[in-house]
Amino acid sequence: MTSRYETETNLEAETTPPPERPAGSEAAYDRLTGYGFASRYVEGKVVADIGGAELGYGSRLLAETAESVTALSDLPEAINLASALYSAPNVSYRRAALPELPLSGTFFDVVVALGLTGNLEDLVKEARRVLKEEGVLIISCPDRRRDGHDRGGIDGLRGVYVPELGELLKRHFGHVHLYRQGAVAGGMVFPDSEEVTGAPVQTARSSAPDPHLGAEPPATRYVIAVCSAAEGLGDDEQTYLLLDRDRRVFDESEERAEDVELLRGEIQRMQETEVQAFVDAVRIRYNLIQELPRYLPHMQNMIIEILIHRRNIIYGNFYAIKRKGAKGLAKGVVRRSAAFYRQLKTRDSG
């Protein structure tokens, strides 16, 4: 089914670029899945989308079914970029000093805040203030205890524990549904003549020697929550599954694997070059040390000759001063120095 906005976008294809996925396969599907899940709640609604550096991508997706979307960020450059790339008739972009929202109270039907890790307490308070009584907040954060390990968030960002987020949200909303979210890989079987519809979900460990199909959830990266002060959420917590239609996630994984192998090869060559350069330097230094004794006697003799000659010059100068005076001294120094250097030159050439 094509929405009114999709039709308008197709007509303006020459002036409005299509949405592009964020860089990074897993991160792209995390964001795309979050906004796809949030789309369940925004049809015909007035929506606020609170974003960061990647503002606009999800706002335009929500705008396909929402009445209007107000996208908010505290980064001016993100607002300017989103306005240029993801403009739409029912999307407006505004700057906000997050977690504060420059919006009047009880105005929005839905507030979407995905992947944020800042001051969650104040952000949730602000979201509750601008929501209508029956409004819905959809919020997600990195799961601090994902894959069974306390890794402290995603990409260096501090996450939250699921119970911790649940307690925070229940202080401001009477009804809270918690979900786990993440990009997954698997297989699919569906009728050839029909659209893909709801299907039972099973999971398996592809690396396990003993195959087993079950209902255990896969490892995820985010926790996502749907909150409301009114009794509008119901008890139906359905699983949301987003499939990769173009299989780009697999192509990108293969390309990245090739890039990693190339990078490893380059690092190995650099390491080998550095090791060889170090070995060559050590060898040269060792050879110099081995050859040094051959030159020491010659160097010692030269030094002794120079010292004796300088001593003779000094004593000769004293004698000349007594016998000839300062003027005769100067001439004698020049004559003796010239004779000494001629002697050294003759010896070196021989």
C-alpha atoms as a PDB file:
ATOM      1  CA  MET A   1       0.000   0.000   0.000  1.00  0.00           C
ATOM      2  CA  THR A   2       1.400   3.362  -1.065  1.00  0.00           C
ATOM      3  CA  SER A   3       0.865   6.323   1.262  1.00  0.00           C
ATOM      4  CA  ARG A   4       0.109   9.859   0.152  1.00  0.00           C
ATOM      5  CA  TYR A   5       3.620  10.931   1.098  1.00  0.00           C
ATOM      6  CA  GLU A   6       5.211   8.087  -0.879  1.00  0.00           C
ATOM      7  CA  THR A   7       3.240   9.174  -3.952  1.00  0.00           C
ATOM      8  CA  GLU A   8       4.364  12.779  -3.563  1.00  0.00           C
ATOM      9  CA  THR A   9       7.945  11.619  -3.087  1.00  0.00           C
ATOM     10  CA  ASN A  10       7.836   9.591  -6.296  1.00  0.00           C
ATOM     11  CA  LEU A  11       6.555  12.610  -8.213  1.00  0.00           C
ATOM     12  CA  GLU A  12       9.378  14.746  -6.841  1.00  0.00           C
ATOM     13  CA  ALA A  13      12.102  12.140  -7.272  1.00  0.00           C
ATOM     14  CA  GLU A  14      14.302  14.514  -9.243  1.00  0.00           C
ATOM     15  CA  THR A  15      14.499  17.083  -6.443  1.00  0.00           C
ATOM     16  CA  THR A  16      14.186  14.956  -3.294  1.00  0.00           C
ATOM     17  CA  PRO A  17      16.758  12.175  -2.719  1.00  0.00           C
ATOM     18  CA  PRO A  18      15.478   8.880  -1.264  1.00  0.00           C
ATOM     19  CA  PRO A  19      16.329   8.037   2.348  1.00  0.00           C
ATOM     20  CA  GLU A  20      19.690   6.367   2.793  1.00  0.00           C
ATOM     21  CA  ARG A  21      20.581   3.937   5.529  1.00  0.00           C
ATOM     22  CA  PRO A  22      23.178   4.993   8.075  1.00  0.00           C
ATOM     23  CA  ALA A  23      26.667   3.612   7.505  1.00  0.00           C
ATOM     24  CA  GLY A  24      27.333   0.252   9.125  1.00  0.00           C
ATOM     25  CA  SER A  25      25.127  -2.759   8.523  1.00  0.00           C
ATOM     26  CA  GLU A  26      24.228  -3.703  12.084  1.00  0.00           C
ATOM     27  CA  ALA A  27      23.790  -0.105  13.221  1.00  0.00           C
ATOM     28  CA  ALA A  28      21.644   0.564  10.143  1.00  0.00           C
ATOM     29  CA  TYR A  29      19.267  -2.251  10.937  1.00  0.00           C
ATOM     30  CA  ASP A  30      19.133  -1.329  14.605  1.00  0.00           C
ATOM     31  CA  ARG A  31      17.937   2.149  13.656  1.00  0.00           C
ATOM     32  CA  LEU A  32      15.671   0.983  10.848  1.00  0.00           C
ATOM     33  CA  THR A  33      14.054  -1.654  13.063  1.00  0.00           C
ATOM     34  CA  GLY A  34      13.485   0.846  15.864  1.00  0.00           C
ATOM     35  CA  TYR A  35      11.706   3.299  13.597  1.00  0.00           C
ATOM     36  CA  GLY A  36       9.789   0.509  11.888  1.00  0.00           C
ATOM     37  CA  PHE A  37       8.564  -0.659  15.294  1.00  0.00           C
ATOM     38  CA  ALA A  38       7.659   2.918  16.273  1.00  0.00           C
ATOM     39  CA  SER A  39       5.600   3.267  13.073  1.00  0.00           C
ATOM     40  CA  ARG A  40       3.008   0.998  14.678  1.00  0.00           C
ATOM     41  CA  TYR A  41       1.980   3.890  16.902  1.00  0.00           C
ATOM     42  CA  VAL A  42       2.223   7.010  14.704  1.00  0.00           C
ATOM     43  CA  GLU A  43      -0.393   6.641  11.974  1.00  0.00           C
ATOM     44  CA  GLY A  44      -2.367   9.895  11.765  1.00  0.00           C
ATOM     45  CA  LYS A  45      -0.589  11.221  14.889  1.00  0.00           C
ATOM     46  CA  VAL A  46       1.328  14.369  15.805  1.00  0.00           C
ATOM     47  CA  VAL A  47       4.842  13.111  16.500  1.00  0.00           C
ATOM     48  CA  ALA A  48       8.068  14.463  18.037  1.00  0.00           C
ATOM     49  CA  ASP A  49      11.264  12.659  16.996  1.00  0.00           C
ATOM     50  CA  ILE A  50      14.196  13.366  19.330  1.00  0.00           C
ATOM     51  CA  GLY A  51      17.479  12.568  17.607  1.00  0.00           C
ATOM     52  CA  GLY A  52      21.175  13.335  17.612  1.00  0.00           C
ATOM     53  CA  ALA A  53      23.718  13.327  14.813  1.00  0.00           C
ATOM     54  CA  GLU A  54      21.618  11.009  12.590  1.00  0.00           C
ATOM     55  CA  LEU A  55      18.534  13.183  12.633  1.00  0.00           C
ATOM     56  CA  GLY A  56      16.134  13.040   9.701  1.00  0.00           C
ATOM     57  CA  TYR A  57      16.481   9.453   8.526  1.00  0.00           C
ATOM     58  CA  GLY A  58      13.895   8.113  10.958  1.00  0.00           C
ATOM     59  CA  SER A  59      11.804  11.294  10.924  1.00  0.00           C
ATOM     60  CA  ARG A  60      11.091  10.849   7.241  1.00  0.00           C
ATOM     61  CA  LEU A  61      10.165   7.202   7.744  1.00  0.00           C
ATOM     62  CA  LEU A  62       7.684   8.181  10.466  1.00  0.00           C
ATOM     63  CA  ALA A  63       6.283  10.925   8.224  1.00  0.00           C
ATOM     64  CA  GLU A  64       5.028   8.317   5.735  1.00  0.00           C
ATOM     65  CA  THR A  65       2.066   7.582   8.028  1.00  0.00           C
ATOM     66  CA  ALA A  66       2.119  10.329  10.709  1.00  0.00           C
ATOM     67  CA  GLU A  67       0.107  13.532  10.391  1.00  0.00           C
ATOM     68  CA  SER A  68       3.195  15.599  11.213  1.00  0.00           C
ATOM     69  CA  VAL A  69       6.683  15.076  12.624  1.00  0.00           C
ATOM     70  CA  THR A  70       8.751  17.618  14.574  1.00  0.00           C
ATOM     71  CA  ALA A  71      12.384  16.486  14.581  1.00  0.00           C
ATOM     72  CA  LEU A  72      14.588  17.821  17.383  1.00  0.00           C
ATOM     73  CA  SER A  73      18.361  17.825  17.893  1.00  0.00           C
ATOM     74  CA  ASP A  74      20.940  19.817  19.854  1.00  0.00           C
ATOM     75  CA  LEU A  75      23.387  19.744  16.915  1.00  0.00           C
ATOM     76  CA  PRO A  76      22.926  22.602  14.404  1.00  0.00           C
ATOM     77  CA  GLU A  77      24.902  20.768  11.712  1.00  0.00           C
ATOM     78  CA  ALA A  78      22.623  17.725  12.050  1.00  0.00           C
ATOM     79  CA  ILE A  79      19.553  19.925  11.617  1.00  0.00           C
ATOM     80  CA  ASN A  80      20.973  21.595   8.509  1.00  0.00           C
ATOM     81  CA  LEU A  81      21.941  18.271   6.951  1.00  0.00           C
ATOM     82  CA  ALA A  82      18.598  16.632   7.748  1.00  0.00           C
ATOM     83  CA  SER A  83      16.678  19.598   6.321  1.00  0.00           C
ATOM     84  CA  ALA A  84      18.584  19.195   3.049  1.00  0.00           C
ATOM     85  CA  LEU A  85      18.464  15.401   2.734  1.00  0.00           C
ATOM     86  CA  TYR A  86      15.200  14.398   4.393  1.00  0.00           C
ATOM     87  CA  SER A  87      12.802  17.241   3.770  1.00  0.00           C
ATOM     88  CA  ALA A  88       9.094  16.436   3.558  1.00  0.00           C
ATOM     89  CA  PRO A  89       5.867  18.478   3.637  1.00  0.00           C
ATOM     90  CA  ASN A  90       4.907  17.150   7.054  1.00  0.00           C
ATOM     91  CA  VAL A  91       8.377  17.226   8.694  1.00  0.00           C
ATOM     92  CA  SER A  92       9.930  20.233  10.456  1.00  0.00           C
ATOM     93  CA  TYR A  93      13.388  20.397  12.036  1.00  0.00           C
ATOM     94  CA  ARG A  94      14.113  22.382  15.182  1.00  0.00           C
ATOM     95  CA  ARG A  95      17.055  22.877  17.515  1.00  0.00           C
ATOM     96  CA  ALA A  96      16.599  21.917  21.157  1.00  0.00           C
ATOM     97  CA  ALA A  97      18.853  22.158  24.202  1.00  0.00           C
ATOM     98  CA  LEU A  98      18.293  18.505  25.104  1.00  0.00           C
ATOM     99  CA  PRO A  99      17.004  17.154  27.394  1.00  0.00           C
ATOM    100  CA  GLU A 100      14.793  20.254  27.447  1.00  0.00           C
ATOM    101  CA  LEU A 101      12.130  20.344  24.730  1.00  0.00           C
ATOM    102  CA  PRO A 102      11.119  23.787  23.395  1.00  0.00           C
ATOM    103  CA  LEU A 103       7.495  22.679  23.037  1.00  0.00           C
ATOM    104  CA  SER A 104       4.241  23.443  24.752  1.00  0.00           C
ATOM    105  CA  GLY A 105       2.702  20.916  27.106  1.00  0.00           C
ATOM    106  CA  THR A 106       0.180  18.209  26.143  1.00  0.00           C
ATOM    107  CA  PHE A 107       0.674  18.789  22.423  1.00  0.00           C
ATOM    108  CA  PHE A 108       2.052  15.536  20.947  1.00  0.00           C
ATOM    109  CA  ASP A 109       0.414  12.166  20.487  1.00  0.00           C
ATOM    110  CA  VAL A 110       3.737  10.293  20.254  1.00  0.00           C
ATOM    111  CA  VAL A 111       7.324  11.070  21.273  1.00  0.00           C
ATOM    112  CA  VAL A 112      10.050   8.899  19.720  1.00  0.00           C
ATOM    113  CA  ALA A 113      13.557   8.923  21.273  1.00  0.00           C
ATOM    114  CA  LEU A 114      15.735   6.102  19.975  1.00  0.00           C
ATOM    115  CA  GLY A 115      19.332   5.310  20.890  1.00  0.00           C
ATOM    116  CA  LEU A 116      19.848   8.219  23.302  1.00  0.00           C
ATOM    117  CA  THR A 117      22.123   7.838  26.332  1.00  0.00           C
ATOM    118  CA  GLY A 118      22.183  11.275  27.943  1.00  0.00           C
ATOM    119  CA  ASN A 119      20.148  12.494  30.902  1.00  0.00           C
ATOM    120  CA  LEU A 120      17.324   9.981  30.573  1.00  0.00           C
ATOM    121  CA  GLU A 121      15.503  11.042  33.736  1.00  0.00           C
ATOM    122  CA  ASP A 122      15.058  14.633  32.580  1.00  0.00           C
ATOM    123  CA  LEU A 123      14.309  13.551  29.015  1.00  0.00           C
ATOM    124  CA  VAL A 124      11.519  11.256  30.184  1.00  0.00           C
ATOM    125  CA  LYS A 125      10.107  14.070  32.341  1.00  0.00           C
ATOM    126  CA  GLU A 126      10.093  16.428  29.365  1.00  0.00           C
ATOM    127  CA  ALA A 127       8.502  13.799  27.131  1.00  0.00           C
ATOM    128  CA  ARG A 128       5.754  13.262  29.702  1.00  0.00           C
ATOM    129  CA  ARG A 129       5.149  17.014  29.853  1.00  0.00           C
ATOM    130  CA  VAL A 130       4.685  17.497  26.104  1.00  0.00           C
ATOM    131  CA  LEU A 131       2.579  14.359  25.604  1.00  0.00           C
ATOM    132  CA  LYS A 132      -1.188  14.348  25.660  1.00  0.00           C
ATOM    133  CA  GLU A 133      -2.825  12.382  28.452  1.00  0.00           C
ATOM    134  CA  GLU A 134      -3.220   9.329  26.209  1.00  0.00           C
ATOM    135  CA  GLY A 135       0.097   9.959  24.446  1.00  0.00           C
ATOM    136  CA  VAL A 136       2.802   7.343  23.917  1.00  0.00           C
ATOM    137  CA  LEU A 137       6.568   7.516  24.484  1.00  0.00           C
ATOM    138  CA  ILE A 138       8.763   5.118  22.521  1.00  0.00           C
ATOM    139  CA  ILE A 139      12.324   5.163  23.843  1.00  0.00           C
ATOM    140  CA  SER A 140      15.371   2.936  23.397  1.00  0.00           C
ATOM    141  CA  CYS A 141      18.842   2.771  24.959  1.00  0.00           C
ATOM    142  CA  PRO A 142      21.854   0.483  24.585  1.00  0.00           C
ATOM    143  CA  ASP A 143      21.414  -2.635  26.688  1.00  0.00           C
ATOM    144  CA  ARG A 144      24.189  -2.539  29.265  1.00  0.00           C
ATOM    145  CA  ARG A 145      24.109  -6.268  29.805  1.00  0.00           C
ATOM    146  CA  ARG A 146      23.903  -7.672  26.299  1.00  0.00           C
ATOM    147  CA  ASP A 147      25.204 -11.062  25.184  1.00  0.00           C
ATOM    148  CA  GLY A 148      25.485 -12.009  28.832  1.00  0.00           C
ATOM    149  CA  HIS A 149      28.445  -9.638  29.423  1.00  0.00           C
ATOM    150  CA  ASP A 150      28.542  -6.271  31.138  1.00  0.00           C
ATOM    151  CA  ARG A 151      30.164  -4.328  28.288  1.00  0.00           C
ATOM    152  CA  GLY A 152      28.980  -0.916  29.339  1.00  0.00           C
ATOM    153  CA  GLY A 153      26.992   0.113  26.285  1.00  0.00           C
ATOM    154  CA  ILE A 154      27.615   0.296  22.540  1.00  0.00           C
ATOM    155  CA  ASP A 155      30.498   2.113  20.830  1.00  0.00           C
ATOM    156  CA  GLY A 156      31.640   3.586  24.134  1.00  0.00           C
ATOM    157  CA  LEU A 157      28.179   4.871  25.085  1.00  0.00           C
ATOM    158  CA  ARG A 158      26.917   3.970  28.542  1.00  0.00           C
ATOM    159  CA  GLY A 159      23.824   1.778  28.399  1.00  0.00           C
ATOM    160  CA  VAL A 160      21.170   0.877  30.953  1.00  0.00           C
ATOM    161  CA  TYR A 161      20.039  -2.337  32.546  1.00  0.00           C
ATOM    162  CA  VAL A 162      16.504  -3.410  31.603  1.00  0.00           C
ATOM    163  CA  PRO A 163      15.159  -3.292  35.207  1.00  0.00           C
ATOM    164  CA  GLU A 164      16.821   0.101  35.668  1.00  0.00           C
ATOM    165  CA  LEU A 165      15.057   1.532  32.612  1.00  0.00           C
ATOM    166  CA  GLY A 166      11.766  -0.044  33.640  1.00  0.00           C
ATOM    167  CA  GLU A 167      11.882   1.557  37.091  1.00  0.00           C
ATOM    168  CA  LEU A 168      12.710   4.945  35.619  1.00  0.00           C
ATOM    169  CA  LEU A 169       9.818   4.856  33.149  1.00  0.00           C
ATOM    170  CA  LYS A 170       7.274   3.599  35.689  1.00  0.00           C
ATOM    171  CA  ARG A 171       7.919   6.665  37.851  1.00  0.00           C
ATOM    172  CA  HIS A 172       6.366   8.776  35.075  1.00  0.00           C
ATOM    173  CA  PHE A 173       4.059   6.428  33.171  1.00  0.00           C
ATOM    174  CA  GLY A 174       1.415   4.064  34.449  1.00  0.00           C
ATOM    175  CA  HIS A 175       1.845   1.548  31.645  1.00  0.00           C
ATOM    176  CA  VAL A 176       5.222   0.358  30.349  1.00  0.00           C
ATOM    177  CA  HIS A 177       6.000  -2.443  27.883  1.00  0.00           C
ATOM    178  CA  LEU A 178       9.672  -3.455  27.602  1.00  0.00           C
ATOM    179  CA  TYR A 179      11.219  -5.146  24.557  1.00  0.00           C
ATOM    180  CA  ARG A 180      14.664  -6.209  23.416  1.00  0.00           C
ATOM    181  CA  GLN A 181      15.888  -5.047  20.015  1.00  0.00           C
ATOM    182  CA  GLY A 182      18.719  -6.026  17.710  1.00  0.00           C
ATOM    183  CA  ALA A 183      19.724  -6.994  14.178  1.00  0.00           C
ATOM    184  CA  VAL A 184      19.509 -10.735  13.475  1.00  0.00           C
ATOM    185  CA  ALA A 185      20.359 -13.181  10.710  1.00  0.00           C
ATOM    186  CA  GLY A 186      18.499 -16.322   9.730  1.00  0.00           C
ATOM    187  CA  GLY A 187      16.384 -17.972   7.097  1.00  0.00           C
ATOM    188  CA  MET A 188      12.882 -17.511   5.742  1.00  0.00           C
ATOM    189  CA  VAL A 189      10.221 -19.693   4.082  1.00  0.00           C
ATOM    190  CA  PHE A 190       7.063 -18.025   2.763  1.00  0.00           C
ATOM    191  CA  PRO A 191       4.433 -18.671   0.069  1.00  0.00           C
ATOM    192  CA  ASP A 192       5.499 -17.694  -3.433  1.00  0.00           C
ATOM    193  CA  SER A 193       2.158 -16.202  -4.404  1.00  0.00           C
ATOM    194  CA  GLU A 194       1.450 -14.156  -1.287  1.00  0.00           C
ATOM    195  CA  GLU A 195       2.915 -11.270   0.656  1.00  0.00           C
ATOM    196  CA  VAL A 196       5.032 -11.987   3.695  1.00  0.00           C
ATOM    197  CA  THR A 197       2.754 -11.949   6.745  1.00  0.00           C
ATOM    198  CA  GLY A 198       2.947 -12.930  10.388  1.00  0.00           C
ATOM    199  CA  ALA A 199       4.826 -16.147  11.032  1.00  0.00           C
ATOM    200  CA  PRO A 200       5.960 -18.144  14.061  1.00  0.00           C
ATOM    201  CA  VAL A 201       9.455 -17.271  15.202  1.00  0.00           C
ATOM    202  CA  GLN A 202      12.052 -19.836  16.215  1.00  0.00           C
ATOM    203  CA  THR A 203      15.752 -19.497  16.989  1.00  0.00           C
ATOM    204  CA  ALA A 204      18.780 -21.771  16.741  1.00  0.00           C
ATOM    205  CA  ARG A 205      22.533 -21.700  17.305  1.00  0.00           C
ATOM    206  CA  SER A 206      24.175 -22.051  13.911  1.00  0.00           C
ATOM    207  CA  SER A 207      27.565 -22.885  15.458  1.00  0.00           C
ATOM    208  CA  ALA A 208      26.322 -25.568  17.840  1.00  0.00           C
ATOM    209  CA  PRO A 209      27.366 -29.176  16.994  1.00  0.00           C
ATOM    210  CA  ASP A 210      23.972 -30.414  18.185  1.00  0.00           C
ATOM    211  CA  PRO A 211      21.240 -28.503  16.259  1.00  0.00           C
ATOM    212  CA  HIS A 212      18.274 -27.443  18.305  1.00  0.00           C
ATOM    213  CA  LEU A 213      15.261 -25.291  17.431  1.00  0.00           C
ATOM    214  CA  GLY A 214      13.644 -23.351  20.242  1.00  0.00           C
ATOM    215  CA  ALA A 215      12.018 -20.097  21.261  1.00  0.00           C
ATOM    216  CA  GLU A 216      14.921 -18.551  23.157  1.00  0.00           C
ATOM    217  CA  PRO A 217      15.420 -14.941  22.048  1.00  0.00           C
ATOM    218  CA  PRO A 218      18.593 -14.051  20.124  1.00  0.00           C
ATOM    219  CA  ALA A 219      21.282 -11.755  21.503  1.00  0.00           C
ATOM    220  CA  THR A 220      20.366  -8.080  21.107  1.00  0.00           C
ATOM    221  CA  ARG A 221      22.015  -4.686  21.592  1.00  0.00           C
ATOM    222  CA  TYR A 222      19.178  -2.386  22.684  1.00  0.00           C
ATOM    223  CA  VAL A 223      16.276  -2.263  25.072  1.00  0.00           C
ATOM    224  CA  ILE A 224      13.198  -0.447  23.772  1.00  0.00           C
ATOM    225  CA  ALA A 225      10.123   0.593  25.738  1.00  0.00           C
ATOM    226  CA  VAL A 226       6.604   1.787  24.925  1.00  0.00           C
ATOM    227  CA  CYS A 227       5.034   3.912  27.661  1.00  0.00           C
ATOM    228  CA  SER A 228       1.721   5.648  28.251  1.00  0.00           C
ATOM    229  CA  ALA A 229      -0.116   7.218  31.152  1.00  0.00           C
ATOM    230  CA  ALA A 230      -3.444   5.972  29.789  1.00  0.00           C
ATOM    231  CA  GLU A 231      -4.704   2.436  29.271  1.00  0.00           C
ATOM    232  CA  GLY A 232      -4.180   2.453  25.543  1.00  0.00           C
ATOM    233  CA  LEU A 233      -1.323   0.031  25.065  1.00  0.00           C
ATOM    234  CA  GLY A 234      -3.206  -3.173  25.776  1.00  0.00           C
ATOM    235  CA  ASP A 235      -1.579  -6.481  26.641  1.00  0.00           C
ATOM    236  CA  ASP A 236      -0.712  -7.631  23.113  1.00  0.00           C
ATOM    237  CA  GLU A 237       3.098  -7.472  22.947  1.00  0.00           C
ATOM    238  CA  GLN A 238       3.722  -8.792  19.446  1.00  0.00           C
ATOM    239  CA  THR A 239       7.189  -9.482  18.083  1.00  0.00           C
ATOM    240  CA  TYR A 240       8.278  -7.153  15.281  1.00  0.00           C
ATOM    241  CA  LEU A 241      10.480  -8.658  12.562  1.00  0.00           C
ATOM    242  CA  LEU A 242      12.096  -6.576   9.812  1.00  0.00           C
ATOM    243  CA  LEU A 243      13.618  -8.488   6.899  1.00  0.00           C
ATOM    244  CA  ASP A 244      16.442  -7.358   4.641  1.00  0.00           C
ATOM    245  CA  ARG A 245      14.719  -7.227   1.251  1.00  0.00           C
ATOM    246  CA  ASP A 246      17.903  -6.623  -0.800  1.00  0.00           C
ATOM    247  CA  ARG A 247      20.253  -8.877   1.242  1.00  0.00           C
ATOM    248  CA  ARG A 248      22.642  -5.942   1.595  1.00  0.00           C
ATOM    249  CA  VAL A 249      23.434  -6.939   5.147  1.00  0.00           C
ATOM    250  CA  PHE A 250      25.111 -10.099   3.862  1.00  0.00           C
ATOM    251  CA  ASP A 251      26.906  -8.346   0.994  1.00  0.00           C
ATOM    252  CA  GLU A 252      28.262  -5.706   3.361  1.00  0.00           C
ATOM    253  CA  SER A 253      29.437  -8.379   5.769  1.00  0.00           C
ATOM    254  CA  GLU A 254      31.405 -10.088   2.985  1.00  0.00           C
ATOM    255  CA  GLU A 255      32.908  -6.781   1.858  1.00  0.00           C
ATOM    256  CA  ARG A 256      33.910  -5.959   5.399  1.00  0.00           C
ATOM    257  CA  ALA A 257      35.491  -9.387   5.798  1.00  0.00           C
ATOM    258  CA  GLU A 258      37.576  -8.738   2.670  1.00  0.00           C
ATOM    259  CA  ASP A 259      38.535  -5.288   3.964  1.00  0.00           C
ATOM    260  CA  VAL A 260      39.566  -6.782   7.303  1.00  0.00           C
ATOM    261  CA  GLU A 261      41.743  -9.374   5.566  1.00  0.00           C
ATOM    262  CA  LEU A 262      43.380  -6.702   3.411  1.00  0.00           C
ATOM    263  CA  LEU A 263      43.988  -4.567   6.487  1.00  0.00           C
ATOM    264  CA  ARG A 264      45.489  -7.492   8.364  1.00  0.00           C
ATOM    265  CA  GLY A 265      47.808  -8.210   5.435  1.00  0.00           C
ATOM    266  CA  GLU A 266      48.911  -4.582   5.307  1.00  0.00           C
ATOM    267  CA  ILE A 267      49.563  -4.537   9.055  1.00  0.00           C
ATOM    268  CA  GLN A 268      51.569  -7.756   8.786  1.00  0.00           C
ATOM    269  CA  ARG A 269      53.704  -6.311   5.970  1.00  0.00           C
ATOM    270  CA  MET A 270      54.308  -3.142   7.981  1.00  0.00           C
ATOM    271  CA  GLN A 271      55.329  -5.185  11.003  1.00  0.00           C
ATOM    272  CA  GLU A 272      57.680  -7.327   8.931  1.00  0.00           C
ATOM    273  CA  THR A 273      59.244  -4.208   7.388  1.00  0.00           C
ATOM    274  CA  GLU A 274      59.761  -2.623  10.799  1.00  0.00           C
ATOM    275  CA  VAL A 275      61.297  -5.822  12.186  1.00  0.00           C
ATOM    276  CA  GLN A 276      63.652  -6.115   9.220  1.00  0.00           C
ATOM    277  CA  ALA A 277      64.703  -2.468   9.567  1.00  0.00           C
ATOM    278  CA  PHE A 278      65.438  -3.064  13.253  1.00  0.00           C
ATOM    279  CA  VAL A 279      67.481  -6.193  12.464  1.00  0.00           C
ATOM    280  CA  ASP A 280      69.473  -4.305   9.814  1.00  0.00           C
ATOM    281  CA  ALA A 281      70.192  -1.479  12.247  1.00  0.00           C
ATOM    282  CA  VAL A 282      71.375  -3.948  14.898  1.00  0.00           C
ATOM    283  CA  ARG A 283      73.586  -5.715  12.341  1.00  0.00           C
ATOM    284  CA  ILE A 284      75.213  -2.447  11.236  1.00  0.00           C
ATOM    285  CA  ARG A 285      75.834  -1.436  14.818  1.00  0.00           C
ATOM    286  CA  TYR A 286      77.337  -4.848  15.592  1.00  0.00           C
ATOM    287  CA  ASN A 287      79.669  -4.599  12.563  1.00  0.00           C
ATOM    288  CA  LEU A 288      80.823  -1.156  13.671  1.00  0.00           C
ATOM    289  CA  ILE A 289      81.611  -2.478  17.110  1.00  0.00           C
ATOM    290  CA  GLN A 290      83.537  -5.388  15.567  1.00  0.00           C
ATOM    291  CA  GLU A 291      85.579  -3.084  13.290  1.00  0.00           C
ATOM    292  CA  LEU A 292      86.304  -0.440  15.915  1.00  0.00           C
ATOM    293  CA  PRO A 293      89.383  -2.211  17.462  1.00  0.00           C
ATOM    294  CA  ARG A 294      91.135  -2.143  14.064  1.00  0.00           C
ATOM    295  CA  TYR A 295      91.079   1.645  14.038  1.00  0.00           C
ATOM    296  CA  LEU A 296      91.830   2.300  17.717  1.00  0.00           C
ATOM    297  CA  PRO A 297      95.670   2.035  17.537  1.00  0.00           C
ATOM    298  CA  HIS A 298      95.774   4.357  14.543  1.00  0.00           C
ATOM    299  CA  MET A 299      93.445   6.816  16.269  1.00  0.00           C
ATOM    300  CA  GLN A 300      95.468   6.667  19.480  1.00  0.00           C
ATOM    301  CA  ASN A 301      98.722   7.420  17.591  1.00  0.00           C
ATOM    302  CA  MET A 302      97.131  10.353  15.814  1.00  0.00           C
ATOM    303  CA  ILE A 303      95.843  11.778  19.085  1.00  0.00           C
ATOM    304  CA  ILE A 304      99.269  11.391  20.735  1.00  0.00           C
ATOM    305  CA  GLU A 305     100.965  13.102  17.771  1.00  0.00           C
ATOM    306  CA  ILE A 306      98.541  15.980  17.872  1.00  0.00           C
ATOM    307  CA  LEU A 307      98.992  16.444  21.630  1.00  0.00           C
ATOM    308  CA  ILE A 308     102.813  16.319  21.346  1.00  0.00           C
ATOM    309  CA  HIS A 309     102.790  18.775  18.467  1.00  0.00           C
ATOM    310  CA  ARG A 310     100.497  21.190  20.339  1.00  0.00           C
ATOM    311  CA  ARG A 311     102.783  20.932  23.378  1.00  0.00           C
ATOM    312  CA  ASN A 312     105.817  21.716  21.201  1.00  0.00           C
ATOM    313  CA  ILE A 313     103.995  24.707  19.701  1.00  0.00           C
ATOM    314  CA  ILE A 314     103.180  26.033  23.156  1.00  0.00           C
ATOM    315  CA  TYR A 315     106.761  25.617  24.427  1.00  0.00           C
ATOM    316  CA  GLY A 316     108.103  27.041  21.147  1.00  0.00           C
ATOM    317  CA  ASN A 317     105.876  30.081  21.518  1.00  0.00           C
ATOM    318  CA  PHE A 318     107.141  30.747  25.002  1.00  0.00           C
ATOM    319  CA  TYR A 319     110.743  30.491  23.728  1.00  0.00           C
ATOM    320  CA  ALA A 320     109.985  32.711  20.724  1.00  0.00           C
ATOM    321  CA  ILE A 321     108.391  35.359  22.925  1.00  0.00           C
ATOM    322  CA  LYS A 322     111.526  35.541  24.974  1.00  0.00           C
ATOM    323  CA  ARG A 323     113.788  35.596  21.899  1.00  0.00           C
ATOM    324  CA  LYS A 324     111.818  37.436  19.154  1.00  0.00           C
ATOM    325  CA  GLY A 325     108.880  39.166  20.798  1.00  0.00           C
ATOM    326  CA  ALA A 326     105.150  39.036  19.798  1.00  0.00           C
ATOM    327  CA  LYS A 327     105.658  39.917  16.113  1.00  0.00           C
ATOM    328  CA  GLY A 328     108.188  37.174  15.537  1.00  0.00           C
ATOM    329  CA  LEU A 329     105.906  34.767  17.467  1.00  0.00           C
ATOM    330  CA  ALA A 330     103.032  35.270  15.034  1.00  0.00           C
ATOM    331  CA  LYS A 331     105.194  34.504  12.018  1.00  0.00           C
ATOM    332  CA  GLY A 332     106.652  31.424  13.682  1.00  0.00           C
ATOM    333  CA  VAL A 333     103.180  30.046  14.566  1.00  0.00           C
ATOM    334  CA  VAL A 334     101.953  30.416  10.987  1.00  0.00           C
ATOM    335  CA  ARG A 335     105.092  28.755   9.592  1.00  0.00           C
ATOM    336  CA  ARG A 336     105.030  25.802  11.986  1.00  0.00           C
ATOM    337  CA  SER A 337     101.256  25.238  11.590  1.00  0.00           C
ATOM    338  CA  ALA A 338     101.553  25.203   7.801  1.00  0.00           C
ATOM    339  CA  ALA A 339     104.389  22.694   7.987  1.00  0.00           C
ATOM    340  CA  PHE A 340     102.382  20.430  10.311  1.00  0.00           C
ATOM    341  CA  TYR A 341      99.286  20.378   8.115  1.00  0.00           C
ATOM    342  CA  ARG A 342     101.443  19.686   5.008  1.00  0.00           C
ATOM    343  CA  GLN A 343     102.887  16.732   6.870  1.00  0.00           C
ATOM    344  CA  LEU A 344      99.420  15.375   7.726  1.00  0.00           C
ATOM    345  CA  LYS A 345      98.225  15.840   4.150  1.00  0.00           C
ATOM    346  CA  THR A 346     101.245  14.017   2.748  1.00  0.00           C
ATOM    347  CA  ARG A 347     100.730  11.109   5.132  1.00  0.00           C
ATOM    348  CA  ASP A 348      97.008  10.807   4.368  1.00  0.00           C
ATOM    349  CA  SER A 349      97.637  10.808   0.601  1.00  0.00           C
ATOM    350  CA  GLY A 350     100.279   8.117   1.037  1.00  0.00           C
END
